[in-house]
């Protein structure tokens, strides 16, 4: 699931954009100020940043400048009411990838988001994830611990892969149901817990679980 960070202080607009993105299958983080948005961008490593310019705390220009100076190459879509040519030029000079003037239709907004994510997706990046001595190869669909291959069922592999992609961030039961089971009829959150237990039995060290339960939130890889 691709992660989008929306930095927008208009709560009504943010609610509408967030809902539209989530319906399309994106995970959405929301910040109401430039200061909060910059912190989330650094901590959560989103796949795309949708950034207003007129923000409390720090302007969108400042957020973009600080991100680029810090070495971040996250794709940035500026979404703002500032439509003068000078505003657009400044945005692009600071490192924006696209610039959209409000108001914008939902379909156009989603199309621009999709286009940016498509262009930014690595063409031949290896899908290999390492967590300590555990290695998951997404292309070969293999898992090994300390060099020894672990025999997982297809569903157990998909579950571990969904966790590994988050690189230590929490994954909710709802997200796992979407990604692994596709919300198939009859699948409940207890199903996730049951299969997590089976996965732990195969990959955990004695006395130390690699899959950590985060109370009332979900699971993450240690």
C-alpha atoms as a PDB file:
ATOM      1  CA  UNK A   1       0.000   0.000   0.000  1.00  0.00           C
ATOM      2  CA  UNK A   2       1.458   3.376  -1.017  1.00  0.00           C
ATOM      3  CA  UNK A   3       1.617   5.982   1.743  1.00  0.00           C
ATOM      4  CA  UNK A   4       0.565   9.600   1.075  1.00  0.00           C
ATOM      5  CA  UNK A   5       1.251  12.441   3.511  1.00  0.00           C
ATOM      6  CA  UNK A   6      -1.319  15.239   3.196  1.00  0.00           C
ATOM      7  CA  UNK A   7      -0.256  18.566   4.731  1.00  0.00           C
ATOM      8  CA  UNK A   8      -3.357  20.763   4.682  1.00  0.00           C
ATOM      9  CA  UNK A   9      -4.843  23.030   7.359  1.00  0.00           C
ATOM     10  CA  UNK A  10      -8.311  23.242   5.786  1.00  0.00           C
ATOM     11  CA  UNK A  11      -9.936  20.350   7.624  1.00  0.00           C
ATOM     12  CA  UNK A  12     -12.963  20.067   5.314  1.00  0.00           C
ATOM     13  CA  UNK A  13     -10.744  19.865   2.241  1.00  0.00           C
ATOM     14  CA  UNK A  14      -8.354  17.485   3.986  1.00  0.00           C
ATOM     15  CA  UNK A  15     -11.225  15.184   4.933  1.00  0.00           C
ATOM     16  CA  UNK A  16     -12.455  15.035   1.328  1.00  0.00           C
ATOM     17  CA  UNK A  17      -9.009  14.411  -0.145  1.00  0.00           C
ATOM     18  CA  UNK A  18      -8.169  11.819   2.481  1.00  0.00           C
ATOM     19  CA  UNK A  19     -11.409   9.945   1.880  1.00  0.00           C
ATOM     20  CA  UNK A  20     -10.845   9.947  -1.893  1.00  0.00           C
ATOM     21  CA  UNK A  21      -7.294   8.647  -1.503  1.00  0.00           C
ATOM     22  CA  UNK A  22      -8.295   5.917   0.945  1.00  0.00           C
ATOM     23  CA  UNK A  23     -11.084   4.743  -1.366  1.00  0.00           C
ATOM     24  CA  UNK A  24      -8.376   4.291  -4.025  1.00  0.00           C
ATOM     25  CA  UNK A  25      -6.361   2.134  -1.637  1.00  0.00           C
ATOM     26  CA  UNK A  26      -3.757   4.590  -0.364  1.00  0.00           C
ATOM     27  CA  UNK A  27      -2.660   4.861   3.243  1.00  0.00           C
ATOM     28  CA  UNK A  28      -3.026   8.525   4.231  1.00  0.00           C
ATOM     29  CA  UNK A  29      -1.253  10.501   6.946  1.00  0.00           C
ATOM     30  CA  UNK A  30      -2.498  14.022   7.702  1.00  0.00           C
ATOM     31  CA  UNK A  31      -0.779  17.049   9.217  1.00  0.00           C
ATOM     32  CA  UNK A  32      -2.447  20.414   9.869  1.00  0.00           C
ATOM     33  CA  UNK A  33       0.720  22.533  10.082  1.00  0.00           C
ATOM     34  CA  UNK A  34       4.004  22.847   8.262  1.00  0.00           C
ATOM     35  CA  UNK A  35       5.941  21.953  11.405  1.00  0.00           C
ATOM     36  CA  UNK A  36       3.963  18.746  11.930  1.00  0.00           C
ATOM     37  CA  UNK A  37       4.139  17.914   8.237  1.00  0.00           C
ATOM     38  CA  UNK A  38       7.925  18.227   8.132  1.00  0.00           C
ATOM     39  CA  UNK A  39       8.283  15.995  11.185  1.00  0.00           C
ATOM     40  CA  UNK A  40       5.970  13.327   9.731  1.00  0.00           C
ATOM     41  CA  UNK A  41       7.736  13.427   6.365  1.00  0.00           C
ATOM     42  CA  UNK A  42      11.047  12.750   8.090  1.00  0.00           C
ATOM     43  CA  UNK A  43       9.723  10.071  10.451  1.00  0.00           C
ATOM     44  CA  UNK A  44       7.277   8.131   8.262  1.00  0.00           C
ATOM     45  CA  UNK A  45       9.008   8.195   4.841  1.00  0.00           C
ATOM     46  CA  UNK A  46       5.836   8.613   2.733  1.00  0.00           C
ATOM     47  CA  UNK A  47       5.766   7.657  -0.942  1.00  0.00           C
ATOM     48  CA  UNK A  48       4.215  11.025  -1.839  1.00  0.00           C
ATOM     49  CA  UNK A  49       3.756  14.406  -0.143  1.00  0.00           C
ATOM     50  CA  UNK A  50       0.729  16.578  -0.973  1.00  0.00           C
ATOM     51  CA  UNK A  51       1.641  20.017   0.327  1.00  0.00           C
ATOM     52  CA  UNK A  52      -0.309  23.242   0.809  1.00  0.00           C
ATOM     53  CA  UNK A  53       1.741  26.457   0.814  1.00  0.00           C
ATOM     54  CA  UNK A  54      -0.179  28.597   3.295  1.00  0.00           C
ATOM     55  CA  UNK A  55       0.287  26.682   6.524  1.00  0.00           C
ATOM     56  CA  UNK A  56       0.603  27.563  10.199  1.00  0.00           C
ATOM     57  CA  UNK A  57       3.975  27.031  11.835  1.00  0.00           C
ATOM     58  CA  UNK A  58       6.008  26.648   8.660  1.00  0.00           C
ATOM     59  CA  UNK A  59       5.028  27.547   5.128  1.00  0.00           C
ATOM     60  CA  UNK A  60       4.892  24.888   2.449  1.00  0.00           C
ATOM     61  CA  UNK A  61       7.908  26.513   0.787  1.00  0.00           C
ATOM     62  CA  UNK A  62       9.900  26.119   4.007  1.00  0.00           C
ATOM     63  CA  UNK A  63       8.842  22.488   4.394  1.00  0.00           C
ATOM     64  CA  UNK A  64       9.890  21.722   0.827  1.00  0.00           C
ATOM     65  CA  UNK A  65      13.194  23.577   1.170  1.00  0.00           C
ATOM     66  CA  UNK A  66      14.108  21.786   4.399  1.00  0.00           C
ATOM     67  CA  UNK A  67      13.214  18.375   2.988  1.00  0.00           C
ATOM     68  CA  UNK A  68      15.341  18.835  -0.103  1.00  0.00           C
ATOM     69  CA  UNK A  69      18.256  20.246   1.875  1.00  0.00           C
ATOM     70  CA  UNK A  70      18.046  17.186   4.086  1.00  0.00           C
ATOM     71  CA  UNK A  71      18.414  14.899   1.064  1.00  0.00           C
ATOM     72  CA  UNK A  72      14.794  13.736   0.765  1.00  0.00           C
ATOM     73  CA  UNK A  73      13.695  12.853  -2.767  1.00  0.00           C
ATOM     74  CA  UNK A  74      10.042  12.144  -1.893  1.00  0.00           C
ATOM     75  CA  UNK A  75       7.770  13.242  -4.772  1.00  0.00           C
ATOM     76  CA  UNK A  76       5.984  16.489  -3.819  1.00  0.00           C
ATOM     77  CA  UNK A  77       2.661  17.666  -5.222  1.00  0.00           C
ATOM     78  CA  UNK A  78       1.949  21.273  -4.233  1.00  0.00           C
ATOM     79  CA  UNK A  79      -1.788  21.879  -3.859  1.00  0.00           C
ATOM     80  CA  UNK A  80      -2.510  25.539  -3.188  1.00  0.00           C
ATOM     81  CA  UNK A  81      -4.669  28.568  -3.911  1.00  0.00           C
ATOM     82  CA  UNK A  82      -1.531  30.534  -4.871  1.00  0.00           C
ATOM     83  CA  UNK A  83      -1.725  30.483  -8.648  1.00  0.00           C
ATOM     84  CA  UNK A  84       0.650  33.222  -9.774  1.00  0.00           C
ATOM     85  CA  UNK A  85       3.474  32.266 -12.109  1.00  0.00           C
ATOM     86  CA  UNK A  86       6.051  33.456  -9.572  1.00  0.00           C
ATOM     87  CA  UNK A  87       4.590  31.090  -6.965  1.00  0.00           C
ATOM     88  CA  UNK A  88       4.820  28.141  -9.336  1.00  0.00           C
ATOM     89  CA  UNK A  89       8.381  28.994 -10.362  1.00  0.00           C
ATOM     90  CA  UNK A  90       9.465  29.201  -6.728  1.00  0.00           C
ATOM     91  CA  UNK A  91       7.810  25.873  -5.969  1.00  0.00           C
ATOM     92  CA  UNK A  92       9.559  24.113  -8.834  1.00  0.00           C
ATOM     93  CA  UNK A  93      12.897  25.723  -8.002  1.00  0.00           C
ATOM     94  CA  UNK A  94      12.639  24.417  -4.452  1.00  0.00           C
ATOM     95  CA  UNK A  95      12.075  20.895  -5.773  1.00  0.00           C
ATOM     96  CA  UNK A  96       8.333  20.355  -6.284  1.00  0.00           C
ATOM     97  CA  UNK A  97       7.402  17.671  -8.810  1.00  0.00           C
ATOM     98  CA  UNK A  98       3.924  18.984  -9.641  1.00  0.00           C
ATOM     99  CA  UNK A  99       1.892  22.108  -8.859  1.00  0.00           C
ATOM    100  CA  UNK A 100      -1.910  22.208  -8.766  1.00  0.00           C
ATOM    101  CA  UNK A 101      -4.020  25.298  -8.109  1.00  0.00           C
ATOM    102  CA  UNK A 102      -7.179  24.994  -6.007  1.00  0.00           C
ATOM    103  CA  UNK A 103      -9.934  24.251  -6.616  1.00  0.00           C
ATOM    104  CA  UNK A 104      -9.185  20.982  -8.392  1.00  0.00           C
ATOM    105  CA  UNK A 105     -11.500  18.130  -9.311  1.00  0.00           C
ATOM    106  CA  UNK A 106     -11.109  14.859  -7.432  1.00  0.00           C
ATOM    107  CA  UNK A 107     -10.463  12.833 -10.591  1.00  0.00           C
ATOM    108  CA  UNK A 108      -7.712  15.187 -11.758  1.00  0.00           C
ATOM    109  CA  UNK A 109      -6.155  15.188  -8.282  1.00  0.00           C
ATOM    110  CA  UNK A 110      -6.117  11.382  -8.124  1.00  0.00           C
ATOM    111  CA  UNK A 111      -4.707  11.172 -11.652  1.00  0.00           C
ATOM    112  CA  UNK A 112      -1.830  13.485 -10.720  1.00  0.00           C
ATOM    113  CA  UNK A 113      -1.124  11.471  -7.567  1.00  0.00           C
ATOM    114  CA  UNK A 114      -1.082   8.245  -9.561  1.00  0.00           C
ATOM    115  CA  UNK A 115       1.179   9.747 -12.240  1.00  0.00           C
ATOM    116  CA  UNK A 116       3.716  10.985  -9.684  1.00  0.00           C
ATOM    117  CA  UNK A 117       3.826   7.649  -7.894  1.00  0.00           C
ATOM    118  CA  UNK A 118       4.174   5.792 -11.184  1.00  0.00           C
ATOM    119  CA  UNK A 119       7.109   7.964 -12.274  1.00  0.00           C
ATOM    120  CA  UNK A 120       8.827   7.643  -8.914  1.00  0.00           C
ATOM    121  CA  UNK A 121       8.527   3.854  -8.646  1.00  0.00           C
ATOM    122  CA  UNK A 122      11.945   2.183  -9.043  1.00  0.00           C
ATOM    123  CA  UNK A 123      12.123   0.293 -12.332  1.00  0.00           C
ATOM    124  CA  UNK A 124      14.298  -2.592 -11.194  1.00  0.00           C
ATOM    125  CA  UNK A 125      14.703  -2.245  -7.446  1.00  0.00           C
ATOM    126  CA  UNK A 126      15.246  -5.589  -5.732  1.00  0.00           C
ATOM    127  CA  UNK A 127      12.422  -6.443  -3.374  1.00  0.00           C
ATOM    128  CA  UNK A 128      14.610  -7.770  -0.611  1.00  0.00           C
ATOM    129  CA  UNK A 129      13.893  -6.878   3.003  1.00  0.00           C
ATOM    130  CA  UNK A 130      16.246  -7.565   5.901  1.00  0.00           C
ATOM    131  CA  UNK A 131      15.250  -7.384   9.545  1.00  0.00           C
ATOM    132  CA  UNK A 132      18.159  -8.521  11.691  1.00  0.00           C
ATOM    133  CA  UNK A 133      19.102 -11.984  10.447  1.00  0.00           C
ATOM    134  CA  UNK A 134      15.749 -12.453   8.717  1.00  0.00           C
ATOM    135  CA  UNK A 135      15.745 -11.933   4.941  1.00  0.00           C
ATOM    136  CA  UNK A 136      12.652 -11.849   2.730  1.00  0.00           C
ATOM    137  CA  UNK A 137      12.991 -11.964  -1.058  1.00  0.00           C
ATOM    138  CA  UNK A 138       9.796 -10.638  -2.622  1.00  0.00           C
ATOM    139  CA  UNK A 139      10.673 -11.780  -6.136  1.00  0.00           C
ATOM    140  CA  UNK A 140      11.641 -15.367  -5.268  1.00  0.00           C
ATOM    141  CA  UNK A 141       9.075 -15.485  -2.439  1.00  0.00           C
ATOM    142  CA  UNK A 142      11.558 -16.972  -0.012  1.00  0.00           C
ATOM    143  CA  UNK A 143      12.332 -16.256   3.640  1.00  0.00           C
ATOM    144  CA  UNK A 144      15.510 -17.210   5.461  1.00  0.00           C
ATOM    145  CA  UNK A 145      16.781 -16.720   8.993  1.00  0.00           C
ATOM    146  CA  UNK A 146      20.515 -16.801   9.526  1.00  0.00           C
ATOM    147  CA  UNK A 147      20.869 -18.231   6.016  1.00  0.00           C
ATOM    148  CA  UNK A 148      18.494 -21.141   6.643  1.00  0.00           C
ATOM    149  CA  UNK A 149      15.320 -21.096   4.558  1.00  0.00           C
ATOM    150  CA  UNK A 150      12.000 -21.044   6.426  1.00  0.00           C
ATOM    151  CA  UNK A 151       9.031 -22.936   5.003  1.00  0.00           C
ATOM    152  CA  UNK A 152       6.028 -20.567   4.967  1.00  0.00           C
ATOM    153  CA  UNK A 153       2.623 -21.066   3.403  1.00  0.00           C
ATOM    154  CA  UNK A 154       1.699 -18.546   0.640  1.00  0.00           C
ATOM    155  CA  UNK A 155      -0.597 -16.710   3.050  1.00  0.00           C
ATOM    156  CA  UNK A 156       2.062 -16.595   5.784  1.00  0.00           C
ATOM    157  CA  UNK A 157       4.553 -15.218   3.278  1.00  0.00           C
ATOM    158  CA  UNK A 158       2.113 -12.495   2.158  1.00  0.00           C
ATOM    159  CA  UNK A 159       1.488 -11.568   5.785  1.00  0.00           C
ATOM    160  CA  UNK A 160       5.208 -11.287   6.544  1.00  0.00           C
ATOM    161  CA  UNK A 161       5.789  -9.381   3.304  1.00  0.00           C
ATOM    162  CA  UNK A 162       3.124  -6.810   4.250  1.00  0.00           C
ATOM    163  CA  UNK A 163       4.866  -6.282   7.590  1.00  0.00           C
ATOM    164  CA  UNK A 164       8.362  -6.142   6.073  1.00  0.00           C
ATOM    165  CA  UNK A 165       7.349  -3.444   3.589  1.00  0.00           C
ATOM    166  CA  UNK A 166       6.579  -1.087   6.498  1.00  0.00           C
ATOM    167  CA  UNK A 167      10.163  -1.358   7.773  1.00  0.00           C
ATOM    168  CA  UNK A 168       9.238  -1.397  11.436  1.00  0.00           C
ATOM    169  CA  UNK A 169       6.132   0.799  11.259  1.00  0.00           C
ATOM    170  CA  UNK A 170       2.840  -0.448  12.666  1.00  0.00           C
ATOM    171  CA  UNK A 171       0.379  -2.179  10.321  1.00  0.00           C
ATOM    172  CA  UNK A 172      -3.246  -2.273  11.448  1.00  0.00           C
ATOM    173  CA  UNK A 173      -5.429  -5.365  11.212  1.00  0.00           C
ATOM    174  CA  UNK A 174      -7.605  -3.514   8.696  1.00  0.00           C
ATOM    175  CA  UNK A 175      -4.618  -2.883   6.431  1.00  0.00           C
ATOM    176  CA  UNK A 176      -3.556  -6.516   6.653  1.00  0.00           C
ATOM    177  CA  UNK A 177      -7.073  -7.667   5.797  1.00  0.00           C
ATOM    178  CA  UNK A 178      -7.013  -5.459   2.678  1.00  0.00           C
ATOM    179  CA  UNK A 179      -3.549  -6.467   1.494  1.00  0.00           C
ATOM    180  CA  UNK A 180      -3.429 -10.169   2.356  1.00  0.00           C
ATOM    181  CA  UNK A 181      -7.062 -11.297   2.216  1.00  0.00           C
ATOM    182  CA  UNK A 182      -8.533  -8.592  -0.003  1.00  0.00           C
ATOM    183  CA  UNK A 183     -11.459  -8.246   2.404  1.00  0.00           C
ATOM    184  CA  UNK A 184     -12.863 -11.589   1.282  1.00  0.00           C
ATOM    185  CA  UNK A 185     -16.265 -12.475   2.668  1.00  0.00           C
ATOM    186  CA  UNK A 186     -16.138 -14.122   6.050  1.00  0.00           C
ATOM    187  CA  UNK A 187     -12.673 -12.851   6.948  1.00  0.00           C
ATOM    188  CA  UNK A 188     -12.556 -11.208  10.375  1.00  0.00           C
ATOM    189  CA  UNK A 189      -9.824  -9.474  12.347  1.00  0.00           C
ATOM    190  CA  UNK A 190      -9.452 -12.595  14.536  1.00  0.00           C
ATOM    191  CA  UNK A 191      -8.235 -14.372  11.396  1.00  0.00           C
ATOM    192  CA  UNK A 192      -5.271 -11.993  11.322  1.00  0.00           C
ATOM    193  CA  UNK A 193      -4.406 -12.799  14.935  1.00  0.00           C
ATOM    194  CA  UNK A 194      -4.610 -16.539  14.262  1.00  0.00           C
ATOM    195  CA  UNK A 195      -2.255 -16.394  11.291  1.00  0.00           C
ATOM    196  CA  UNK A 196       0.132 -14.053  13.091  1.00  0.00           C
ATOM    197  CA  UNK A 197       0.407 -16.737  15.795  1.00  0.00           C
ATOM    198  CA  UNK A 198       1.219 -19.370  13.151  1.00  0.00           C
ATOM    199  CA  UNK A 199       3.802 -17.054  11.573  1.00  0.00           C
ATOM    200  CA  UNK A 200       5.432 -16.392  14.930  1.00  0.00           C
ATOM    201  CA  UNK A 201       5.764 -20.116  15.562  1.00  0.00           C
ATOM    202  CA  UNK A 202       7.948 -20.364  12.441  1.00  0.00           C
ATOM    203  CA  UNK A 203      10.099 -17.225  12.628  1.00  0.00           C
ATOM    204  CA  UNK A 204      10.466 -16.306  16.307  1.00  0.00           C
ATOM    205  CA  UNK A 205      13.609 -16.841  18.342  1.00  0.00           C
ATOM    206  CA  UNK A 206      13.277 -18.547  21.697  1.00  0.00           C
ATOM    207  CA  UNK A 207      11.852 -15.999  24.114  1.00  0.00           C
ATOM    208  CA  UNK A 208      11.854 -13.125  21.591  1.00  0.00           C
ATOM    209  CA  UNK A 209       9.115 -12.406  19.090  1.00  0.00           C
ATOM    210  CA  UNK A 210       9.989 -10.862  15.757  1.00  0.00           C
ATOM    211  CA  UNK A 211       6.367  -9.781  15.229  1.00  0.00           C
ATOM    212  CA  UNK A 212       5.401  -7.301  17.936  1.00  0.00           C
ATOM    213  CA  UNK A 213       1.800  -6.638  18.973  1.00  0.00           C
ATOM    214  CA  UNK A 214       1.088  -2.916  19.379  1.00  0.00           C
ATOM    215  CA  UNK A 215      -1.933  -2.631  21.640  1.00  0.00           C
ATOM    216  CA  UNK A 216      -5.073  -1.347  19.891  1.00  0.00           C
ATOM    217  CA  UNK A 217      -3.073  -0.545  16.739  1.00  0.00           C
ATOM    218  CA  UNK A 218      -1.815  -3.703  15.053  1.00  0.00           C
ATOM    219  CA  UNK A 219       1.548  -5.358  14.427  1.00  0.00           C
ATOM    220  CA  UNK A 220       5.072  -4.453  13.402  1.00  0.00           C
ATOM    221  CA  UNK A 221       8.334  -6.257  12.775  1.00  0.00           C
ATOM    222  CA  UNK A 222      10.949  -5.812  15.474  1.00  0.00           C
END
